[in-house]
Amino acid sequence: RTHKAAADLFRVAVELGGTLSGEHGVGTLKKPYLESDIGPIAMDVMRSVRRALDPRGILNPGKILD
């Protein structure tokens, strides 16, 4: 039930023009909703930057950007 409430809260925040993150970043709880917040193009850019800086995927694996 808590996850459903959080998902509803995140969805409404984005619909109202808000964002999911603040000064502490997105965090793993909000990871599934990040793309709806920033859009697919921004996600692709962030993944590209990550691959360029961490080609072996050893820095913070499995967290925000897979």
PDB file of N, CA and C in Angstrom:
ATOM      1  N   ARG A   1       0.815  -1.197   0.000  1.00  0.00           N
ATOM      2  CA  ARG A   1       0.000   0.000   0.000  1.00  0.00           C
ATOM      3  C   ARG A   1       0.854   1.255   0.000  1.00  0.00           C
ATOM      4  N   THR A   2       1.953   1.209   0.716  1.00  0.00           N
ATOM      5  CA  THR A   2       2.843   2.363   0.783  1.00  0.00           C
ATOM      6  C   THR A   2       3.428   2.686  -0.582  1.00  0.00           C
ATOM      7  N   HIS A   3       3.843   1.657  -1.322  1.00  0.00           N
ATOM      8  CA  HIS A   3       4.423   1.881  -2.649  1.00  0.00           C
ATOM      9  C   HIS A   3       3.391   2.484  -3.607  1.00  0.00           C
ATOM     10  N   LYS A   4       2.142   2.056  -3.507  1.00  0.00           N
ATOM     11  CA  LYS A   4       1.077   2.616  -4.346  1.00  0.00           C
ATOM     12  C   LYS A   4       0.870   4.087  -4.016  1.00  0.00           C
ATOM     13  N   ALA A   5       0.856   4.416  -2.737  1.00  0.00           N
ATOM     14  CA  ALA A   5       0.687   5.812  -2.330  1.00  0.00           C
ATOM     15  C   ALA A   5       1.852   6.663  -2.822  1.00  0.00           C
ATOM     16  N   ALA A   6       3.067   6.138  -2.707  1.00  0.00           N
ATOM     17  CA  ALA A   6       4.247   6.873  -3.180  1.00  0.00           C
ATOM     18  C   ALA A   6       4.177   7.074  -4.687  1.00  0.00           C
ATOM     19  N   ALA A   7       3.792   6.041  -5.421  1.00  0.00           N
ATOM     20  CA  ALA A   7       3.681   6.152  -6.879  1.00  0.00           C
ATOM     21  C   ALA A   7       2.653   7.208  -7.262  1.00  0.00           C
ATOM     22  N   ASP A   8       1.527   7.226  -6.572  1.00  0.00           N
ATOM     23  CA  ASP A   8       0.500   8.237  -6.844  1.00  0.00           C
ATOM     24  C   ASP A   8       1.022   9.638  -6.540  1.00  0.00           C
ATOM     25  N   LEU A   9       1.725   9.780  -5.440  1.00  0.00           N
ATOM     26  CA  LEU A   9       2.295  11.074  -5.057  1.00  0.00           C
ATOM     27  C   LEU A   9       3.303  11.563  -6.090  1.00  0.00           C
ATOM     28  N   PHE A  10       4.199  10.686  -6.533  1.00  0.00           N
ATOM     29  CA  PHE A  10       5.204  11.066  -7.526  1.00  0.00           C
ATOM     30  C   PHE A  10       4.541  11.451  -8.849  1.00  0.00           C
ATOM     31  N   ARG A  11       3.529  10.690  -9.256  1.00  0.00           N
ATOM     32  CA  ARG A  11       2.821  10.973 -10.509  1.00  0.00           C
ATOM     33  C   ARG A  11       2.164  12.350 -10.460  1.00  0.00           C
ATOM     34  N   VAL A  12       1.474  12.642  -9.377  1.00  0.00           N
ATOM     35  CA  VAL A  12       0.802  13.937  -9.241  1.00  0.00           C
ATOM     36  C   VAL A  12       1.821  15.074  -9.195  1.00  0.00           C
ATOM     37  N   ALA A  13       2.918  14.871  -8.504  1.00  0.00           N
ATOM     38  CA  ALA A  13       3.958  15.906  -8.438  1.00  0.00           C
ATOM     39  C   ALA A  13       4.455  16.265  -9.832  1.00  0.00           C
ATOM     40  N   VAL A  14       4.723  15.267 -10.651  1.00  0.00           N
ATOM     41  CA  VAL A  14       5.208  15.510 -12.016  1.00  0.00           C
ATOM     42  C   VAL A  14       4.110  16.157 -12.863  1.00  0.00           C
ATOM     43  N   GLU A  15       2.875  15.679 -12.724  1.00  0.00           N
ATOM     44  CA  GLU A  15       1.762  16.256 -13.491  1.00  0.00           C
ATOM     45  C   GLU A  15       1.561  17.734 -13.176  1.00  0.00           C
ATOM     46  N   LEU A  16       1.849  18.128 -11.945  1.00  0.00           N
ATOM     47  CA  LEU A  16       1.673  19.520 -11.532  1.00  0.00           C
ATOM     48  C   LEU A  16       2.906  20.376 -11.811  1.00  0.00           C
ATOM     49  N   GLY A  17       3.881  19.789 -12.507  1.00  0.00           N
ATOM     50  CA  GLY A  17       5.075  20.550 -12.869  1.00  0.00           C
ATOM     51  C   GLY A  17       6.199  20.464 -11.859  1.00  0.00           C
ATOM     52  N   GLY A  18       6.039  19.616 -10.871  1.00  0.00           N
ATOM     53  CA  GLY A  18       7.083  19.437  -9.866  1.00  0.00           C
ATOM     54  C   GLY A  18       8.133  18.456 -10.335  1.00  0.00           C
ATOM     55  N   THR A  19       9.004  18.121  -9.432  1.00  0.00           N
ATOM     56  CA  THR A  19      10.069  17.176  -9.733  1.00  0.00           C
ATOM     57  C   THR A  19      10.155  16.149  -8.613  1.00  0.00           C
ATOM     58  N   LEU A  20      10.814  15.050  -8.886  1.00  0.00           N
ATOM     59  CA  LEU A  20      10.918  13.977  -7.899  1.00  0.00           C
ATOM     60  C   LEU A  20      12.085  14.148  -6.951  1.00  0.00           C
ATOM     61  N   SER A  21      13.043  14.957  -7.340  1.00  0.00           N
ATOM     62  CA  SER A  21      14.255  15.025  -6.534  1.00  0.00           C
ATOM     63  C   SER A  21      14.489  16.429  -6.017  1.00  0.00           C
ATOM     64  N   GLY A  22      15.285  16.485  -4.992  1.00  0.00           N
ATOM     65  CA  GLY A  22      15.707  17.762  -4.433  1.00  0.00           C
ATOM     66  C   GLY A  22      17.207  17.757  -4.304  1.00  0.00           C
ATOM     67  N   GLU A  23      17.688  18.371  -3.280  1.00  0.00           N
ATOM     68  CA  GLU A  23      19.133  18.480  -3.093  1.00  0.00           C
ATOM     69  C   GLU A  23      19.804  17.144  -2.804  1.00  0.00           C
ATOM     70  N   HIS A  24      19.030  16.125  -2.465  1.00  0.00           N
ATOM     71  CA  HIS A  24      19.618  14.823  -2.137  1.00  0.00           C
ATOM     72  C   HIS A  24      19.561  13.829  -3.289  1.00  0.00           C
ATOM     73  N   GLY A  25      19.050  14.229  -4.434  1.00  0.00           N
ATOM     74  CA  GLY A  25      19.006  13.332  -5.581  1.00  0.00           C
ATOM     75  C   GLY A  25      17.741  12.496  -5.621  1.00  0.00           C
ATOM     76  N   VAL A  26      17.698  11.592  -6.567  1.00  0.00           N
ATOM     77  CA  VAL A  26      16.505  10.795  -6.816  1.00  0.00           C
ATOM     78  C   VAL A  26      16.358   9.665  -5.805  1.00  0.00           C
ATOM     79  N   GLY A  27      17.388   8.896  -5.614  1.00  0.00           N
ATOM     80  CA  GLY A  27      17.319   7.756  -4.715  1.00  0.00           C
ATOM     81  C   GLY A  27      16.646   6.562  -5.364  1.00  0.00           C
ATOM     82  N   THR A  28      16.858   5.405  -4.803  1.00  0.00           N
ATOM     83  CA  THR A  28      16.348   4.178  -5.417  1.00  0.00           C
ATOM     84  C   THR A  28      14.827   4.061  -5.338  1.00  0.00           C
ATOM     85  N   LEU A  29      14.197   4.676  -4.351  1.00  0.00           N
ATOM     86  CA  LEU A  29      12.739   4.610  -4.241  1.00  0.00           C
ATOM     87  C   LEU A  29      12.067   5.272  -5.440  1.00  0.00           C
ATOM     88  N   LYS A  30      12.648   6.361  -5.911  1.00  0.00           N
ATOM     89  CA  LYS A  30      12.042   7.115  -7.007  1.00  0.00           C
ATOM     90  C   LYS A  30      12.579   6.712  -8.379  1.00  0.00           C
ATOM     91  N   LYS A  31      13.506   5.785  -8.421  1.00  0.00           N
ATOM     92  CA  LYS A  31      14.115   5.359  -9.685  1.00  0.00           C
ATOM     93  C   LYS A  31      13.088   4.983 -10.755  1.00  0.00           C
ATOM     94  N   PRO A  32      12.051   4.211 -10.436  1.00  0.00           N
ATOM     95  CA  PRO A  32      11.102   3.818 -11.479  1.00  0.00           C
ATOM     96  C   PRO A  32      10.340   4.994 -12.100  1.00  0.00           C
ATOM     97  N   TYR A  33      10.351   6.142 -11.439  1.00  0.00           N
ATOM     98  CA  TYR A  33       9.578   7.294 -11.893  1.00  0.00           C
ATOM     99  C   TYR A  33      10.447   8.381 -12.518  1.00  0.00           C
ATOM    100  N   LEU A  34      11.750   8.183 -12.539  1.00  0.00           N
ATOM    101  CA  LEU A  34      12.669   9.214 -13.014  1.00  0.00           C
ATOM    102  C   LEU A  34      12.410   9.593 -14.464  1.00  0.00           C
ATOM    103  N   GLU A  35      12.228   8.610 -15.331  1.00  0.00           N
ATOM    104  CA  GLU A  35      12.032   8.921 -16.748  1.00  0.00           C
ATOM    105  C   GLU A  35      10.762   9.738 -16.979  1.00  0.00           C
ATOM    106  N   SER A  36       9.715   9.485 -16.209  1.00  0.00           N
ATOM    107  CA  SER A  36       8.492  10.281 -16.366  1.00  0.00           C
ATOM    108  C   SER A  36       8.713  11.716 -15.906  1.00  0.00           C
ATOM    109  N   ASP A  37       9.693  11.927 -15.054  1.00  0.00           N
ATOM    110  CA  ASP A  37      10.014  13.266 -14.555  1.00  0.00           C
ATOM    111  C   ASP A  37      10.851  14.048 -15.561  1.00  0.00           C
ATOM    112  N   ILE A  38      11.909  13.434 -16.074  1.00  0.00           N
ATOM    113  CA  ILE A  38      12.856  14.185 -16.912  1.00  0.00           C
ATOM    114  C   ILE A  38      12.739  13.881 -18.397  1.00  0.00           C
ATOM    115  N   GLY A  39      12.036  12.808 -18.742  1.00  0.00           N
ATOM    116  CA  GLY A  39      11.833  12.464 -20.150  1.00  0.00           C
ATOM    117  C   GLY A  39      12.868  11.493 -20.684  1.00  0.00           C
ATOM    118  N   PRO A  40      12.513  10.802 -21.768  1.00  0.00           N
ATOM    119  CA  PRO A  40      13.390   9.766 -22.320  1.00  0.00           C
ATOM    120  C   PRO A  40      14.686  10.309 -22.923  1.00  0.00           C
ATOM    121  N   ILE A  41      14.645  11.509 -23.487  1.00  0.00           N
ATOM    122  CA  ILE A  41      15.866  12.064 -24.085  1.00  0.00           C
ATOM    123  C   ILE A  41      16.901  12.355 -23.002  1.00  0.00           C
ATOM    124  N   ALA A  42      16.464  12.974 -21.916  1.00  0.00           N
ATOM    125  CA  ALA A  42      17.389  13.260 -20.813  1.00  0.00           C
ATOM    126  C   ALA A  42      17.945  11.966 -20.217  1.00  0.00           C
ATOM    127  N   MET A  43      17.102  10.941 -20.115  1.00  0.00           N
ATOM    128  CA  MET A  43      17.585   9.649 -19.600  1.00  0.00           C
ATOM    129  C   MET A  43      18.653   9.075 -20.521  1.00  0.00           C
ATOM    130  N   ASP A  44      18.428   9.150 -21.832  1.00  0.00           N
ATOM    131  CA  ASP A  44      19.421   8.649 -22.787  1.00  0.00           C
ATOM    132  C   ASP A  44      20.730   9.411 -22.674  1.00  0.00           C
ATOM    133  N   VAL A  45      20.645  10.727 -22.501  1.00  0.00           N
ATOM    134  CA  VAL A  45      21.858  11.538 -22.343  1.00  0.00           C
ATOM    135  C   VAL A  45      22.604  11.124 -21.082  1.00  0.00           C
ATOM    136  N   MET A  46      21.891  10.962 -19.982  1.00  0.00           N
ATOM    137  CA  MET A  46      22.555  10.572 -18.731  1.00  0.00           C
ATOM    138  C   MET A  46      23.185   9.187 -18.848  1.00  0.00           C
ATOM    139  N   ARG A  47      22.501   8.267 -19.507  1.00  0.00           N
ATOM    140  CA  ARG A  47      23.084   6.931 -19.701  1.00  0.00           C
ATOM    141  C   ARG A  47      24.337   6.998 -20.574  1.00  0.00           C
ATOM    142  N   SER A  48      24.305   7.848 -21.592  1.00  0.00           N
ATOM    143  CA  SER A  48      25.476   8.007 -22.471  1.00  0.00           C
ATOM    144  C   SER A  48      26.661   8.575 -21.709  1.00  0.00           C
ATOM    145  N   VAL A  49      26.408   9.568 -20.885  1.00  0.00           N
ATOM    146  CA  VAL A  49      27.480  10.156 -20.070  1.00  0.00           C
ATOM    147  C   VAL A  49      28.028   9.106 -19.112  1.00  0.00           C
ATOM    148  N   ARG A  50      27.143   8.360 -18.492  1.00  0.00           N
ATOM    149  CA  ARG A  50      27.596   7.312 -17.569  1.00  0.00           C
ATOM    150  C   ARG A  50      28.479   6.290 -18.285  1.00  0.00           C
ATOM    151  N   ARG A  51      28.040   5.835 -19.462  1.00  0.00           N
ATOM    152  CA  ARG A  51      28.842   4.856 -20.216  1.00  0.00           C
ATOM    153  C   ARG A  51      30.203   5.429 -20.594  1.00  0.00           C
ATOM    154  N   ALA A  52      30.240   6.718 -20.924  1.00  0.00           N
ATOM    155  CA  ALA A  52      31.511   7.356 -21.292  1.00  0.00           C
ATOM    156  C   ALA A  52      32.449   7.447 -20.092  1.00  0.00           C
ATOM    157  N   LEU A  53      31.910   7.738 -18.923  1.00  0.00           N
ATOM    158  CA  LEU A  53      32.736   7.907 -17.726  1.00  0.00           C
ATOM    159  C   LEU A  53      33.000   6.602 -16.983  1.00  0.00           C
ATOM    160  N   ASP A  54      32.128   5.620 -17.175  1.00  0.00           N
ATOM    161  CA  ASP A  54      32.230   4.350 -16.453  1.00  0.00           C
ATOM    162  C   ASP A  54      31.902   3.194 -17.403  1.00  0.00           C
ATOM    163  N   PRO A  55      32.749   2.965 -18.401  1.00  0.00           N
ATOM    164  CA  PRO A  55      32.433   1.967 -19.430  1.00  0.00           C
ATOM    165  C   PRO A  55      32.273   0.544 -18.894  1.00  0.00           C
ATOM    166  N   ARG A  56      32.892   0.241 -17.766  1.00  0.00           N
ATOM    167  CA  ARG A  56      32.758  -1.116 -17.203  1.00  0.00           C
ATOM    168  C   ARG A  56      31.602  -1.229 -16.211  1.00  0.00           C
ATOM    169  N   GLY A  57      30.939  -0.118 -15.925  1.00  0.00           N
ATOM    170  CA  GLY A  57      29.778  -0.145 -15.032  1.00  0.00           C
ATOM    171  C   GLY A  57      30.094  -0.535 -13.608  1.00  0.00           C
ATOM    172  N   ILE A  58      31.254  -0.117 -13.117  1.00  0.00           N
ATOM    173  CA  ILE A  58      31.663  -0.532 -11.770  1.00  0.00           C
ATOM    174  C   ILE A  58      31.351   0.511 -10.697  1.00  0.00           C
ATOM    175  N   LEU A  59      31.004   1.722 -11.102  1.00  0.00           N
ATOM    176  CA  LEU A  59      30.715   2.775 -10.134  1.00  0.00           C
ATOM    177  C   LEU A  59      29.228   2.781  -9.787  1.00  0.00           C
ATOM    178  N   ASN A  60      28.922   2.455  -8.554  1.00  0.00           N
ATOM    179  CA  ASN A  60      27.544   2.463  -8.059  1.00  0.00           C
ATOM    180  C   ASN A  60      26.607   1.627  -8.935  1.00  0.00           C
ATOM    181  N   PRO A  61      26.950   0.367  -9.183  1.00  0.00           N
ATOM    182  CA  PRO A  61      26.152  -0.467 -10.090  1.00  0.00           C
ATOM    183  C   PRO A  61      24.737  -0.734  -9.567  1.00  0.00           C
ATOM    184  N   GLY A  62      23.787  -0.732 -10.493  1.00  0.00           N
ATOM    185  CA  GLY A  62      22.417  -1.088 -10.149  1.00  0.00           C
ATOM    186  C   GLY A  62      21.645  -0.041  -9.380  1.00  0.00           C
ATOM    187  N   LYS A  63      22.168   1.149  -9.283  1.00  0.00           N
ATOM    188  CA  LYS A  63      21.449   2.180  -8.525  1.00  0.00           C
ATOM    189  C   LYS A  63      20.487   2.928  -9.438  1.00  0.00           C
ATOM    190  N   ILE A  64      20.855   4.095  -9.913  1.00  0.00           N
ATOM    191  CA  ILE A  64      19.914   4.909 -10.679  1.00  0.00           C
ATOM    192  C   ILE A  64      19.976   4.615 -12.173  1.00  0.00           C
ATOM    193  N   LEU A  65      21.165   4.631 -12.740  1.00  0.00           N
ATOM    194  CA  LEU A  65      21.312   4.396 -14.179  1.00  0.00           C
ATOM    195  C   LEU A  65      21.892   3.015 -14.410  1.00  0.00           C
ATOM    196  N   ASP A  66      21.119   2.156 -15.019  1.00  0.00           N
ATOM    197  CA  ASP A  66      21.596   0.800 -15.307  1.00  0.00           C
ATOM    198  C   ASP A  66      22.385   0.780 -16.593  1.00  0.00           C
TER     199      ASP A  66
END
